[in-house]
C-alpha atoms as a PDB file:
ATOM      1  CA  MET A   1     -26.577 -19.099 -13.639  1.00  0.00           C
ATOM      2  CA  ASN A   2     -24.220 -16.877 -11.619  1.00  0.00           C
ATOM      3  CA  ASP A   3     -20.929 -17.771 -13.237  1.00  0.00           C
ATOM      4  CA  LEU A   4     -18.114 -16.408 -11.056  1.00  0.00           C
ATOM      5  CA  ARG A   5     -15.805 -16.437 -14.095  1.00  0.00           C
ATOM      6  CA  LYS A   6     -17.810 -13.540 -15.556  1.00  0.00           C
ATOM      7  CA  ARG A   7     -17.853 -11.447 -12.359  1.00  0.00           C
ATOM      8  CA  ALA A   8     -14.567  -9.590 -12.798  1.00  0.00           C
ATOM      9  CA  GLY A   9     -13.409  -6.262 -11.430  1.00  0.00           C
ATOM     10  CA  TRP A  10     -10.351  -4.390 -10.253  1.00  0.00           C
ATOM     11  CA  PHE A  11      -9.512  -2.414  -7.147  1.00  0.00           C
ATOM     12  CA  GLU A  12      -6.467  -1.090  -5.344  1.00  0.00           C
ATOM     13  CA  ILE A  13      -5.251  -1.476  -1.779  1.00  0.00           C
ATOM     14  CA  SER A  14      -2.733   0.947  -0.329  1.00  0.00           C
ATOM     15  CA  TRP A  15       0.646  -0.568   0.501  1.00  0.00           C
ATOM     16  CA  PHE A  16       0.334   1.169   3.882  1.00  0.00           C
ATOM     17  CA  ILE A  17      -2.774  -0.939   4.637  1.00  0.00           C
ATOM     18  CA  ILE A  18      -1.093  -4.154   3.478  1.00  0.00           C
ATOM     19  CA  GLU A  19       2.015  -3.479   5.547  1.00  0.00           C
ATOM     20  CA  ARG A  20       0.509  -1.975   8.701  1.00  0.00           C
ATOM     21  CA  GLU A  21      -3.008  -3.459   8.821  1.00  0.00           C
ATOM     22  CA  PRO A  22      -2.782  -6.932   7.269  1.00  0.00           C
ATOM     23  CA  GLU A  23      -6.124  -8.003   8.793  1.00  0.00           C
ATOM     24  CA  THR A  24      -7.825  -5.190   6.857  1.00  0.00           C
ATOM     25  CA  ALA A  25      -6.146  -6.362   3.636  1.00  0.00           C
ATOM     26  CA  ARG A  26      -7.239  -9.947   4.360  1.00  0.00           C
ATOM     27  CA  LEU A  27     -10.835  -8.807   4.817  1.00  0.00           C
ATOM     28  CA  ALA A  28     -10.667  -6.822   1.557  1.00  0.00           C
ATOM     29  CA  LEU A  29      -9.459  -9.879  -0.354  1.00  0.00           C
ATOM     30  CA  ALA A  30     -11.782 -12.410   1.311  1.00  0.00           C
ATOM     31  CA  GLY A  31     -13.717 -14.377  -1.287  1.00  0.00           C
ATOM     32  CA  CYS A  32     -11.716 -12.961  -4.208  1.00  0.00           C
ATOM     33  CA  VAL A  33     -10.087 -15.112  -6.852  1.00  0.00           C
ATOM     34  CA  VAL A  34      -7.127 -12.909  -7.779  1.00  0.00           C
ATOM     35  CA  ILE A  35      -6.274 -13.093 -11.473  1.00  0.00           C
ATOM     36  CA  ARG A  36      -3.513 -10.502 -11.369  1.00  0.00           C
ATOM     37  CA  ALA A  37      -1.811  -8.338  -8.745  1.00  0.00           C
ATOM     38  CA  GLU A  38       0.423  -5.461  -9.755  1.00  0.00           C
ATOM     39  CA  MET A  39       2.494  -3.222  -7.470  1.00  0.00           C
ATOM     40  CA  LEU A  40       2.055   0.416  -8.489  1.00  0.00           C
ATOM     41  CA  ILE A  41       5.108   2.297  -7.292  1.00  0.00           C
ATOM     42  CA  HIS A  42       3.748   5.725  -8.268  1.00  0.00           C
ATOM     43  CA  THR A  43       0.683   5.333  -6.018  1.00  0.00           C
ATOM     44  CA  ALA A  44       2.203   3.006  -3.384  1.00  0.00           C
ATOM     45  CA  SER A  45      -0.636   0.536  -3.853  1.00  0.00           C
ATOM     46  CA  VAL A  46      -1.361  -2.894  -5.266  1.00  0.00           C
ATOM     47  CA  ARG A  47      -3.920  -3.187  -8.072  1.00  0.00           C
ATOM     48  CA  TYR A  48      -5.868  -6.429  -8.028  1.00  0.00           C
ATOM     49  CA  VAL A  49      -7.851  -7.825 -10.932  1.00  0.00           C
ATOM     50  CA  ALA A  50     -10.119 -10.413  -9.402  1.00  0.00           C
ATOM     51  CA  LEU A  51     -13.318 -12.419  -9.575  1.00  0.00           C
ATOM     52  CA  HIS A  52     -15.893 -11.977  -6.825  1.00  0.00           C
ATOM     53  CA  GLU A  53     -19.585 -12.803  -6.462  1.00  0.00           C
ATOM     54  CA  ASP A  54     -20.381  -9.157  -5.595  1.00  0.00           C
ATOM     55  CA  PHE A  55     -18.965  -7.847  -8.898  1.00  0.00           C
ATOM     56  CA  ASP A  56     -21.227  -7.228 -11.902  1.00  0.00           C
ATOM     57  CA  VAL A  57     -21.169  -9.670 -14.813  1.00  0.00           C
ATOM     58  CA  VAL A  58     -18.654  -8.650 -17.496  1.00  0.00           C
ATOM     59  CA  GLU A  59     -19.507  -9.794 -21.005  1.00  0.00           C
ATOM     60  CA  ASP A  60     -16.854 -11.478 -23.142  1.00  0.00           C
ATOM     61  CA  HIS A  61     -14.259  -9.101 -24.624  1.00  0.00           C
ATOM     62  CA  TYR A  62     -15.158  -6.238 -22.264  1.00  0.00           C
ATOM     63  CA  CYS A  63     -12.858  -4.683 -19.664  1.00  0.00           C
ATOM     64  CA  ALA A  64     -13.339  -5.286 -15.976  1.00  0.00           C
ATOM     65  CA  PRO A  65     -14.816  -2.268 -14.137  1.00  0.00           C
ATOM     66  CA  GLN A  66     -13.193  -0.562 -11.185  1.00  0.00           C
ATOM     67  CA  TYR A  67     -14.509  -1.073  -7.660  1.00  0.00           C
ATOM     68  CA  GLU A  68     -13.848   0.649  -4.381  1.00  0.00           C
ATOM     69  CA  CYS A  69     -13.456  -1.646  -1.424  1.00  0.00           C
ATOM     70  CA  GLN A  70     -15.207  -0.220   1.617  1.00  0.00           C
ATOM     71  CA  ILE A  71     -14.376  -1.618   5.050  1.00  0.00           C
ATOM     72  CA  MET A  72     -16.743  -0.940   7.928  1.00  0.00           C
ATOM     73  CA  ARG A  73     -15.618  -0.909  11.538  1.00  0.00           C
ATOM     74  CA  HIS A  74     -17.742  -1.144  14.662  1.00  0.00           C
ATOM     75  CA  GLU A  75     -16.185  -0.115  17.972  1.00  0.00           C
ATOM     76  CA  GLY A  76     -12.735  -0.318  16.398  1.00  0.00           C
ATOM     77  CA  MET A  77     -13.202  -3.848  15.083  1.00  0.00           C
ATOM     78  CA  LEU A  78     -13.421  -4.857  11.418  1.00  0.00           C
ATOM     79  CA  CYS A  79     -16.895  -6.121  10.662  1.00  0.00           C
ATOM     80  CA  THR A  80     -17.973  -5.883   7.011  1.00  0.00           C
ATOM     81  CA  ARG A  81     -16.608  -5.295   3.541  1.00  0.00           C
ATOM     82  CA  SER A  82     -18.439  -4.199   0.434  1.00  0.00           C
ATOM     83  CA  PHE A  83     -17.461  -3.388  -3.130  1.00  0.00           C
ATOM     84  CA  VAL A  84     -18.913  -0.304  -4.813  1.00  0.00           C
ATOM     85  CA  ARG A  85     -18.545   0.063  -8.571  1.00  0.00           C
ATOM     86  CA  VAL A  86     -16.733   3.244  -9.643  1.00  0.00           C
ATOM     87  CA  GLY A  87     -17.565   5.077 -12.862  1.00  0.00           C
ATOM     88  CA  ASP A  88     -18.652   3.401 -16.068  1.00  0.00           C
ATOM     89  CA  GLY A  89     -16.005   0.671 -16.246  1.00  0.00           C
ATOM     90  CA  LYS A  90     -14.322   2.069 -19.354  1.00  0.00           C
ATOM     91  CA  THR A  91     -10.849   2.253 -17.820  1.00  0.00           C
ATOM     92  CA  PRO A  92      -8.939  -0.370 -19.849  1.00  0.00           C
ATOM     93  CA  VAL A  93      -8.011  -3.228 -17.546  1.00  0.00           C
ATOM     94  CA  PRO A  94      -8.342  -6.469 -19.516  1.00  0.00           C
ATOM     95  CA  VAL A  95      -9.877  -9.427 -17.733  1.00  0.00           C
ATOM     96  CA  SER A  96      -7.476 -12.009 -19.158  1.00  0.00           C
END
């Protein structure tokens, strides 16, 4: 069973993107169940901890891995979004 509750991950979106390209931010967040959002002043970004069907399953008591959100454009228009896992997931971002 693909239990969405176990498919956790975290990623960041630049505040510049959120402020100046809200449609890009909407595409990045499409399908996500956001558990936590935190504004990071030092990097001018928002860190999201979320559930998404494209994320790997995270076993109980493990930290959510980091993902990079990749947005593809075709002829200047937003078309697809994908999440790519970054590193080994050992950066401590608790799921709950």
